[in-house]
PDB file of N, CA and C in Angstrom:
ATOM      1  N   MET A   1     173.473  68.411  88.614  1.00  0.00           N
ATOM      2  CA  MET A   1     172.085  68.326  88.096  1.00  0.00           C
ATOM      3  C   MET A   1     171.093  68.851  89.148  1.00  0.00           C
ATOM      4  N   ALA A   2     170.141  69.545  88.763  1.00  0.00           N
ATOM      5  CA  ALA A   2     169.167  70.132  89.701  1.00  0.00           C
ATOM      6  C   ALA A   2     168.217  69.017  90.281  1.00  0.00           C
ATOM      7  N   THR A   3     167.852  69.253  91.517  1.00  0.00           N
ATOM      8  CA  THR A   3     166.962  68.318  92.146  1.00  0.00           C
ATOM      9  C   THR A   3     165.485  68.664  91.775  1.00  0.00           C
ATOM     10  N   VAL A   4     164.592  67.788  92.000  1.00  0.00           N
ATOM     11  CA  VAL A   4     163.165  67.973  91.715  1.00  0.00           C
ATOM     12  C   VAL A   4     162.684  69.204  92.505  1.00  0.00           C
ATOM     13  N   THR A   5     163.112  69.300  93.796  1.00  0.00           N
ATOM     14  CA  THR A   5     162.679  70.451  94.637  1.00  0.00           C
ATOM     15  C   THR A   5     163.143  71.779  94.067  1.00  0.00           C
ATOM     16  N   GLU A   6     164.370  71.802  93.506  1.00  0.00           N
ATOM     17  CA  GLU A   6     164.949  73.015  92.954  1.00  0.00           C
ATOM     18  C   GLU A   6     164.164  73.348  91.641  1.00  0.00           C
ATOM     19  N   LEU A   7     163.833  72.365  90.846  1.00  0.00           N
ATOM     20  CA  LEU A   7     163.130  72.601  89.592  1.00  0.00           C
ATOM     21  C   LEU A   7     161.689  73.126  89.914  1.00  0.00           C
ATOM     22  N   LYS A   8     161.017  72.591  90.993  1.00  0.00           N
ATOM     23  CA  LYS A   8     159.740  73.066  91.374  1.00  0.00           C
ATOM     24  C   LYS A   8     159.800  74.558  91.778  1.00  0.00           C
ATOM     25  N   ALA A   9     160.803  74.910  92.543  1.00  0.00           N
ATOM     26  CA  ALA A   9     161.005  76.221  93.008  1.00  0.00           C
ATOM     27  C   ALA A   9     161.234  77.176  91.881  1.00  0.00           C
ATOM     28  N   VAL A  10     162.020  76.836  90.897  1.00  0.00           N
ATOM     29  CA  VAL A  10     162.309  77.728  89.775  1.00  0.00           C
ATOM     30  C   VAL A  10     161.001  77.840  88.920  1.00  0.00           C
ATOM     31  N   LEU A  11     160.282  76.737  88.740  1.00  0.00           N
ATOM     32  CA  LEU A  11     159.135  76.777  87.933  1.00  0.00           C
ATOM     33  C   LEU A  11     158.042  77.646  88.673  1.00  0.00           C
ATOM     34  N   LYS A  12     157.936  77.564  89.969  1.00  0.00           N
ATOM     35  CA  LYS A  12     156.938  78.408  90.708  1.00  0.00           C
ATOM     36  C   LYS A  12     157.341  79.832  90.622  1.00  0.00           C
ATOM     37  N   ASP A  13     158.610  80.142  90.715  1.00  0.00           N
ATOM     38  CA  ASP A  13     159.082  81.543  90.628  1.00  0.00           C
ATOM     39  C   ASP A  13     158.787  82.091  89.285  1.00  0.00           C
ATOM     40  N   THR A  14     159.087  81.332  88.153  1.00  0.00           N
ATOM     41  CA  THR A  14     158.821  81.749  86.846  1.00  0.00           C
ATOM     42  C   THR A  14     157.363  82.083  86.589  1.00  0.00           C
ATOM     43  N   LEU A  15     156.511  81.136  87.023  1.00  0.00           N
ATOM     44  CA  LEU A  15     155.078  81.306  86.837  1.00  0.00           C
ATOM     45  C   LEU A  15     154.550  82.552  87.614  1.00  0.00           C
ATOM     46  N   GLU A  16     155.052  82.777  88.869  1.00  0.00           N
ATOM     47  CA  GLU A  16     154.667  83.904  89.551  1.00  0.00           C
ATOM     48  C   GLU A  16     155.104  85.212  88.918  1.00  0.00           C
ATOM     49  N   LYS A  17     156.331  85.254  88.420  1.00  0.00           N
ATOM     50  CA  LYS A  17     156.825  86.492  87.690  1.00  0.00           C
ATOM     51  C   LYS A  17     155.994  86.821  86.480  1.00  0.00           C
ATOM     52  N   ARG A  18     155.576  85.745  85.788  1.00  0.00           N
ATOM     53  CA  ARG A  18     154.747  85.987  84.532  1.00  0.00           C
ATOM     54  C   ARG A  18     153.298  86.306  84.856  1.00  0.00           C
ATOM     55  N   GLY A  19     152.892  86.087  86.114  1.00  0.00           N
ATOM     56  CA  GLY A  19     151.511  86.298  86.501  1.00  0.00           C
ATOM     57  C   GLY A  19     150.548  85.175  86.215  1.00  0.00           C
ATOM     58  N   VAL A  20     151.155  84.077  85.707  1.00  0.00           N
ATOM     59  CA  VAL A  20     150.345  82.928  85.387  1.00  0.00           C
ATOM     60  C   VAL A  20     149.802  82.244  86.619  1.00  0.00           C
ATOM     61  N   LEU A  21     150.639  82.106  87.633  1.00  0.00           N
ATOM     62  CA  LEU A  21     150.196  81.447  88.932  1.00  0.00           C
ATOM     63  C   LEU A  21     149.073  82.125  89.574  1.00  0.00           C
ATOM     64  N   GLY A  22     149.088  83.421  89.682  1.00  0.00           N
ATOM     65  CA  GLY A  22     147.994  84.226  90.222  1.00  0.00           C
ATOM     66  C   GLY A  22     146.704  84.076  89.462  1.00  0.00           C
ATOM     67  N   HIS A  23     146.858  84.092  88.131  1.00  0.00           N
ATOM     68  CA  HIS A  23     145.701  83.959  87.225  1.00  0.00           C
ATOM     69  C   HIS A  23     145.094  82.547  87.445  1.00  0.00           C
ATOM     70  N   LEU A  24     145.860  81.546  87.493  1.00  0.00           N
ATOM     71  CA  LEU A  24     145.372  80.176  87.693  1.00  0.00           C
ATOM     72  C   LEU A  24     144.673  80.052  89.059  1.00  0.00           C
ATOM     73  N   LYS A  25     145.267  80.646  90.089  1.00  0.00           N
ATOM     74  CA  LYS A  25     144.606  80.579  91.388  1.00  0.00           C
ATOM     75  C   LYS A  25     143.267  81.299  91.397  1.00  0.00           C
ATOM     76  N   ALA A  26     143.231  82.432  90.783  1.00  0.00           N
ATOM     77  CA  ALA A  26     141.939  83.167  90.665  1.00  0.00           C
ATOM     78  C   ALA A  26     140.863  82.380  89.831  1.00  0.00           C
ATOM     79  N   LYS A  27     141.338  81.760  88.748  1.00  0.00           N
ATOM     80  CA  LYS A  27     140.371  80.935  87.950  1.00  0.00           C
ATOM     81  C   LYS A  27     139.861  79.738  88.739  1.00  0.00           C
ATOM     82  N   ILE A  28     140.736  79.110  89.428  1.00  0.00           N
ATOM     83  CA  ILE A  28     140.368  77.913  90.300  1.00  0.00           C
ATOM     84  C   ILE A  28     139.419  78.399  91.345  1.00  0.00           C
ATOM     85  N   ARG A  29     139.705  79.513  92.017  1.00  0.00           N
ATOM     86  CA  ARG A  29     138.827  80.086  93.046  1.00  0.00           C
ATOM     87  C   ARG A  29     137.434  80.351  92.482  1.00  0.00           C
ATOM     88  N   ALA A  30     137.401  80.992  91.309  1.00  0.00           N
ATOM     89  CA  ALA A  30     136.128  81.345  90.695  1.00  0.00           C
ATOM     90  C   ALA A  30     135.350  80.098  90.318  1.00  0.00           C
ATOM     91  N   GLU A  31     136.027  79.034  89.837  1.00  0.00           N
ATOM     92  CA  GLU A  31     135.330  77.807  89.507  1.00  0.00           C
ATOM     93  C   GLU A  31     134.839  77.064  90.743  1.00  0.00           C
ATOM     94  N   VAL A  32     135.543  77.134  91.836  1.00  0.00           N
ATOM     95  CA  VAL A  32     135.111  76.530  93.091  1.00  0.00           C
ATOM     96  C   VAL A  32     133.841  77.203  93.583  1.00  0.00           C
ATOM     97  N   PHE A  33     133.817  78.534  93.570  1.00  0.00           N
ATOM     98  CA  PHE A  33     132.634  79.324  93.973  1.00  0.00           C
ATOM     99  C   PHE A  33     131.479  79.008  93.067  1.00  0.00           C
ATOM    100  N   LYS A  34     131.780  78.877  91.724  1.00  0.00           N
ATOM    101  CA  LYS A  34     130.697  78.596  90.751  1.00  0.00           C
ATOM    102  C   LYS A  34     130.116  77.210  91.068  1.00  0.00           C
ATOM    103  N   ALA A  35     130.994  76.229  91.377  1.00  0.00           N
ATOM    104  CA  ALA A  35     130.514  74.892  91.621  1.00  0.00           C
ATOM    105  C   ALA A  35     129.639  74.796  92.971  1.00  0.00           C
ATOM    106  N   LEU A  36     130.030  75.660  93.848  1.00  0.00           N
ATOM    107  CA  LEU A  36     129.301  75.724  95.179  1.00  0.00           C
ATOM    108  C   LEU A  36     128.045  76.597  95.116  1.00  0.00           C
ATOM    109  N   ASP A  37     127.876  77.403  94.089  1.00  0.00           N
ATOM    110  CA  ASP A  37     126.738  78.221  93.982  1.00  0.00           C
ATOM    111  C   ASP A  37     125.467  77.393  93.696  1.00  0.00           C
ATOM    112  N   ASP A  38     124.450  77.676  94.486  1.00  0.00           N
ATOM    113  CA  ASP A  38     123.205  76.986  94.431  1.00  0.00           C
ATOM    114  C   ASP A  38     122.366  77.598  93.257  1.00  0.00           C
ATOM    115  N   GLU A  39     122.390  76.842  92.108  1.00  0.00           N
ATOM    116  CA  GLU A  39     121.687  77.358  90.902  1.00  0.00           C
ATOM    117  C   GLU A  39     120.216  77.081  90.995  1.00  0.00           C
ATOM    118  N   SER A  40     119.759  76.289  91.941  1.00  0.00           N
ATOM    119  CA  SER A  40     118.262  76.077  92.067  1.00  0.00           C
ATOM    120  C   SER A  40     117.544  77.291  92.579  1.00  0.00           C
ATOM    121  N   GLU A  41     118.280  78.186  93.224  1.00  0.00           N
ATOM    122  CA  GLU A  41     117.740  79.449  93.717  1.00  0.00           C
ATOM    123  C   GLU A  41     118.215  80.577  92.795  1.00  0.00           C
ATOM    124  N   PRO A  42     117.309  81.054  91.945  1.00  0.00           N
ATOM    125  CA  PRO A  42     117.794  82.114  91.017  1.00  0.00           C
ATOM    126  C   PRO A  42     118.241  83.434  91.730  1.00  0.00           C
ATOM    127  N   ARG A  43     119.261  84.065  91.106  1.00  0.00           N
ATOM    128  CA  ARG A  43     119.744  85.262  91.620  1.00  0.00           C
ATOM    129  C   ARG A  43     118.722  86.385  91.278  1.00  0.00           C
ATOM    130  N   PRO A  44     118.591  87.322  92.203  1.00  0.00           N
ATOM    131  CA  PRO A  44     117.682  88.512  91.909  1.00  0.00           C
ATOM    132  C   PRO A  44     118.270  89.324  90.846  1.00  0.00           C
ATOM    133  N   ALA A  45     117.412  89.978  90.099  1.00  0.00           N
ATOM    134  CA  ALA A  45     117.857  90.952  89.026  1.00  0.00           C
ATOM    135  C   ALA A  45     118.480  92.133  89.740  1.00  0.00           C
ATOM    136  N   LEU A  46     119.585  92.566  89.133  1.00  0.00           N
ATOM    137  CA  LEU A  46     120.308  93.707  89.677  1.00  0.00           C
ATOM    138  C   LEU A  46     119.636  95.048  89.236  1.00  0.00           C
ATOM    139  N   SER A  47     119.568  95.942  90.133  1.00  0.00           N
ATOM    140  CA  SER A  47     119.093  97.286  89.771  1.00  0.00           C
ATOM    141  C   SER A  47     120.253  97.956  88.959  1.00  0.00           C
ATOM    142  N   HIS A  48     119.854  99.112  88.310  1.00  0.00           N
ATOM    143  CA  HIS A  48     120.830  99.849  87.564  1.00  0.00           C
ATOM    144  C   HIS A  48     121.930 100.384  88.547  1.00  0.00           C
ATOM    145  N   GLU A  49     121.576 100.736  89.725  1.00  0.00           N
ATOM    146  CA  GLU A  49     122.544 101.223  90.702  1.00  0.00           C
ATOM    147  C   GLU A  49     123.599 100.181  91.052  1.00  0.00           C
ATOM    148  N   ASN A  50     123.085  98.975  91.216  1.00  0.00           N
ATOM    149  CA  ASN A  50     123.978  97.867  91.572  1.00  0.00           C
ATOM    150  C   ASN A  50     124.879  97.502  90.435  1.00  0.00           C
ATOM    151  N   LEU A  51     124.308  97.497  89.237  1.00  0.00           N
ATOM    152  CA  LEU A  51     125.168  97.259  88.010  1.00  0.00           C
ATOM    153  C   LEU A  51     126.282  98.332  87.950  1.00  0.00           C
ATOM    154  N   LEU A  52     125.946  99.571  88.265  1.00  0.00           N
ATOM    155  CA  LEU A  52     126.942 100.667  88.251  1.00  0.00           C
ATOM    156  C   LEU A  52     128.002 100.418  89.276  1.00  0.00           C
ATOM    157  N   ILE A  53     127.559 100.022  90.532  1.00  0.00           N
ATOM    158  CA  ILE A  53     128.521  99.723  91.567  1.00  0.00           C
ATOM    159  C   ILE A  53     129.443  98.552  91.182  1.00  0.00           C
ATOM    160  N   ASN A  54     128.902  97.518  90.563  1.00  0.00           N
ATOM    161  CA  ASN A  54     129.760  96.406  90.104  1.00  0.00           C
ATOM    162  C   ASN A  54     130.788  96.881  89.097  1.00  0.00           C
ATOM    163  N   GLU A  55     130.377  97.729  88.188  1.00  0.00           N
ATOM    164  CA  GLU A  55     131.240  98.270  87.187  1.00  0.00           C
ATOM    165  C   GLU A  55     132.361  99.116  87.790  1.00  0.00           C
ATOM    166  N   LEU A  56     132.023  99.963  88.782  1.00  0.00           N
ATOM    167  CA  LEU A  56     133.010 100.803  89.480  1.00  0.00           C
ATOM    168  C   LEU A  56     133.986  99.945  90.214  1.00  0.00           C
ATOM    169  N   ILE A  57     133.524  98.887  90.898  1.00  0.00           N
ATOM    170  CA  ILE A  57     134.414  98.035  91.617  1.00  0.00           C
ATOM    171  C   ILE A  57     135.360  97.356  90.625  1.00  0.00           C
ATOM    172  N   ARG A  58     134.841  96.819  89.469  1.00  0.00           N
ATOM    173  CA  ARG A  58     135.716  96.225  88.467  1.00  0.00           C
ATOM    174  C   ARG A  58     136.767  97.204  87.975  1.00  0.00           C
ATOM    175  N   GLU A  59     136.409  98.399  87.708  1.00  0.00           N
ATOM    176  CA  GLU A  59     137.294  99.421  87.235  1.00  0.00           C
ATOM    177  C   GLU A  59     138.428  99.783  88.292  1.00  0.00           C
ATOM    178  N   TYR A  60     137.945  99.855  89.613  1.00  0.00           N
ATOM    179  CA  TYR A  60     138.869 100.047  90.657  1.00  0.00           C
ATOM    180  C   TYR A  60     139.885  98.892  90.726  1.00  0.00           C
ATOM    181  N   LEU A  61     139.439  97.612  90.702  1.00  0.00           N
ATOM    182  CA  LEU A  61     140.325  96.535  90.754  1.00  0.00           C
ATOM    183  C   LEU A  61     141.319  96.588  89.613  1.00  0.00           C
ATOM    184  N   GLU A  62     140.849  96.830  88.451  1.00  0.00           N
ATOM    185  CA  GLU A  62     141.726  96.830  87.275  1.00  0.00           C
ATOM    186  C   GLU A  62     142.719  97.991  87.326  1.00  0.00           C
ATOM    187  N   PHE A  63     142.260  99.184  87.797  1.00  0.00           N
ATOM    188  CA  PHE A  63     143.126 100.374  87.880  1.00  0.00           C
ATOM    189  C   PHE A  63     144.260 100.075  88.850  1.00  0.00           C
ATOM    190  N   ASN A  64     143.969  99.404  89.961  1.00  0.00           N
ATOM    191  CA  ASN A  64     144.937  99.134  91.002  1.00  0.00           C
ATOM    192  C   ASN A  64     145.731  97.810  90.809  1.00  0.00           C
ATOM    193  N   LYS A  65     145.529  97.302  89.654  1.00  0.00           N
ATOM    194  CA  LYS A  65     146.293  96.035  89.176  1.00  0.00           C
ATOM    195  C   LYS A  65     145.922  94.819  90.056  1.00  0.00           C
ATOM    196  N   TYR A  66     144.605  94.833  90.496  1.00  0.00           N
ATOM    197  CA  TYR A  66     144.182  93.563  91.159  1.00  0.00           C
ATOM    198  C   TYR A  66     143.460  92.756  90.093  1.00  0.00           C
ATOM    199  N   LYS A  67     144.174  92.361  89.067  1.00  0.00           N
ATOM    200  CA  LYS A  67     143.612  91.751  87.922  1.00  0.00           C
ATOM    201  C   LYS A  67     143.068  90.329  88.253  1.00  0.00           C
ATOM    202  N   TYR A  68     143.637  89.653  89.121  1.00  0.00           N
ATOM    203  CA  TYR A  68     143.131  88.304  89.524  1.00  0.00           C
ATOM    204  C   TYR A  68     141.841  88.445  90.270  1.00  0.00           C
ATOM    205  N   THR A  69     141.743  89.400  91.187  1.00  0.00           N
ATOM    206  CA  THR A  69     140.476  89.618  91.919  1.00  0.00           C
ATOM    207  C   THR A  69     139.463  90.078  90.901  1.00  0.00           C
ATOM    208  N   ALA A  70     139.779  90.937  90.005  1.00  0.00           N
ATOM    209  CA  ALA A  70     138.853  91.410  88.999  1.00  0.00           C
ATOM    210  C   ALA A  70     138.388  90.233  88.168  1.00  0.00           C
ATOM    211  N   SER A  71     139.249  89.312  87.826  1.00  0.00           N
ATOM    212  CA  SER A  71     138.851  88.180  87.033  1.00  0.00           C
ATOM    213  C   SER A  71     137.802  87.290  87.731  1.00  0.00           C
ATOM    214  N   VAL A  72     137.955  87.219  89.077  1.00  0.00           N
ATOM    215  CA  VAL A  72     136.872  86.474  89.833  1.00  0.00           C
ATOM    216  C   VAL A  72     135.567  87.255  89.757  1.00  0.00           C
ATOM    217  N   LEU A  73     135.584  88.590  89.930  1.00  0.00           N
ATOM    218  CA  LEU A  73     134.354  89.386  89.858  1.00  0.00           C
ATOM    219  C   LEU A  73     133.747  89.178  88.459  1.00  0.00           C
ATOM    220  N   ILE A  74     134.537  89.299  87.411  1.00  0.00           N
ATOM    221  CA  ILE A  74     134.012  89.177  86.080  1.00  0.00           C
ATOM    222  C   ILE A  74     133.470  87.793  85.811  1.00  0.00           C
ATOM    223  N   ALA A  75     134.188  86.773  86.269  1.00  0.00           N
ATOM    224  CA  ALA A  75     133.624  85.417  86.115  1.00  0.00           C
ATOM    225  C   ALA A  75     132.303  85.254  86.842  1.00  0.00           C
ATOM    226  N   ASP A  76     132.143  85.860  88.068  1.00  0.00           N
ATOM    227  CA  ASP A  76     130.982  85.754  88.773  1.00  0.00           C
ATOM    228  C   ASP A  76     129.850  86.530  88.150  1.00  0.00           C
ATOM    229  N   ASP A  77     130.194  87.563  87.448  1.00  0.00           N
ATOM    230  CA  ASP A  77     129.162  88.436  86.761  1.00  0.00           C
ATOM    231  C   ASP A  77     128.753  87.914  85.408  1.00  0.00           C
ATOM    232  N   GLN A  78     129.556  87.011  84.830  1.00  0.00           N
ATOM    233  CA  GLN A  78     129.321  86.500  83.522  1.00  0.00           C
ATOM    234  C   GLN A  78     127.867  86.001  83.320  1.00  0.00           C
ATOM    235  N   PRO A  79     127.349  85.144  84.226  1.00  0.00           N
ATOM    236  CA  PRO A  79     125.975  84.664  83.980  1.00  0.00           C
ATOM    237  C   PRO A  79     124.968  85.811  83.828  1.00  0.00           C
ATOM    238  N   ARG A  80     125.109  86.904  84.466  1.00  0.00           N
ATOM    239  CA  ARG A  80     124.230  88.016  84.344  1.00  0.00           C
ATOM    240  C   ARG A  80     124.371  88.706  82.961  1.00  0.00           C
ATOM    241  N   LYS A  81     125.567  88.724  82.457  1.00  0.00           N
ATOM    242  CA  LYS A  81     125.749  89.297  81.089  1.00  0.00           C
ATOM    243  C   LYS A  81     125.043  88.401  80.087  1.00  0.00           C
ATOM    244  N   GLU A  82     125.108  87.046  80.316  1.00  0.00           N
ATOM    245  CA  GLU A  82     124.512  86.137  79.390  1.00  0.00           C
ATOM    246  C   GLU A  82     122.971  86.272  79.422  1.00  0.00           C
ATOM    247  N   GLU A  83     122.448  86.739  80.574  1.00  0.00           N
ATOM    248  CA  GLU A  83     121.021  86.953  80.690  1.00  0.00           C
ATOM    249  C   GLU A  83     120.609  88.273  80.046  1.00  0.00           C
ATOM    250  N   GLY A  84     121.523  89.004  79.593  1.00  0.00           N
ATOM    251  CA  GLY A  84     121.227  90.303  78.920  1.00  0.00           C
ATOM    252  C   GLY A  84     121.313  91.505  79.736  1.00  0.00           C
ATOM    253  N   GLU A  85     121.717  91.349  81.018  1.00  0.00           N
ATOM    254  CA  GLU A  85     121.966  92.543  81.879  1.00  0.00           C
ATOM    255  C   GLU A  85     123.294  93.140  81.498  1.00  0.00           C
ATOM    256  N   SER A  86     123.372  94.398  81.341  1.00  0.00           N
ATOM    257  CA  SER A  86     124.538  95.108  80.988  1.00  0.00           C
ATOM    258  C   SER A  86     125.325  95.640  82.182  1.00  0.00           C
ATOM    259  N   THR A  87     126.606  95.508  82.185  1.00  0.00           N
ATOM    260  CA  THR A  87     127.421  96.136  83.213  1.00  0.00           C
ATOM    261  C   THR A  87     128.343  97.206  82.557  1.00  0.00           C
ATOM    262  N   SER A  88     128.052  97.590  81.364  1.00  0.00           N
ATOM    263  CA  SER A  88     128.808  98.667  80.706  1.00  0.00           C
ATOM    264  C   SER A  88     128.338  99.976  81.149  1.00  0.00           C
ATOM    265  N   MET A  89     129.356 100.881  81.450  1.00  0.00           N
ATOM    266  CA  MET A  89     128.991 102.215  81.917  1.00  0.00           C
ATOM    267  C   MET A  89     128.189 102.966  80.900  1.00  0.00           C
ATOM    268  N   LYS A  90     128.389 102.729  79.600  1.00  0.00           N
ATOM    269  CA  LYS A  90     127.636 103.438  78.544  1.00  0.00           C
ATOM    270  C   LYS A  90     126.191 103.097  78.581  1.00  0.00           C
ATOM    271  N   ASP A  91     125.819 101.911  79.023  1.00  0.00           N
ATOM    272  CA  ASP A  91     124.467 101.470  78.993  1.00  0.00           C
ATOM    273  C   ASP A  91     123.740 101.756  80.297  1.00  0.00           C
ATOM    274  N   LEU A  92     124.351 102.352  81.237  1.00  0.00           N
ATOM    275  CA  LEU A  92     123.745 102.644  82.560  1.00  0.00           C
ATOM    276  C   LEU A  92     123.353 104.058  82.626  1.00  0.00           C
ATOM    277  N   PRO A  93     122.145 104.283  83.299  1.00  0.00           N
ATOM    278  CA  PRO A  93     121.637 105.684  83.406  1.00  0.00           C
ATOM    279  C   PRO A  93     122.431 106.514  84.444  1.00  0.00           C
ATOM    280  N   VAL A  94     123.476 107.099  84.055  1.00  0.00           N
ATOM    281  CA  VAL A  94     124.351 107.789  85.011  1.00  0.00           C
ATOM    282  C   VAL A  94     124.211 109.354  84.560  1.00  0.00           C
ATOM    283  N   SER A  95     124.012 110.199  85.594  1.00  0.00           N
ATOM    284  CA  SER A  95     123.869 111.568  85.231  1.00  0.00           C
ATOM    285  C   SER A  95     125.225 112.146  84.907  1.00  0.00           C
ATOM    286  N   ARG A  96     125.274 113.317  84.278  1.00  0.00           N
ATOM    287  CA  ARG A  96     126.442 114.024  83.927  1.00  0.00           C
ATOM    288  C   ARG A  96     127.298 114.382  85.171  1.00  0.00           C
ATOM    289  N   ALA A  97     126.710 114.699  86.244  1.00  0.00           N
ATOM    290  CA  ALA A  97     127.385 115.082  87.447  1.00  0.00           C
ATOM    291  C   ALA A  97     128.191 113.979  87.960  1.00  0.00           C
ATOM    292  N   VAL A  98     127.734 112.740  87.836  1.00  0.00           N
ATOM    293  CA  VAL A  98     128.435 111.551  88.261  1.00  0.00           C
ATOM    294  C   VAL A  98     129.621 111.262  87.338  1.00  0.00           C
ATOM    295  N   LYS A  99     129.384 111.449  86.023  1.00  0.00           N
ATOM    296  CA  LYS A  99     130.453 111.101  85.074  1.00  0.00           C
ATOM    297  C   LYS A  99     131.628 111.998  85.082  1.00  0.00           C
ATOM    298  N   THR A 100     131.489 113.267  85.593  1.00  0.00           N
ATOM    299  CA  THR A 100     132.612 114.161  85.596  1.00  0.00           C
ATOM    300  C   THR A 100     133.334 114.220  86.896  1.00  0.00           C
TER     301      THR A 100
END
């Protein structure tokens, strides 16, 4: 019969292989930062350029399979989306030269 230590090791390996452990760590990290964030001081509004930069960083992270890091960025950016600020490339004023 397997020991508790062996069962923990197998469970950890299984969760890592499925990507669940990394996702949970990223979610916990985002929630810790959210809890530490001083909400009494409002965040400045982002310019269109900064919104574009955030979207490019998110795309880079997702393209390179940094999905847990991207999930932290997305979680941190969520309050701005709720305020009506768009981070969609379609809604940002990007010239044709930049798009191609």
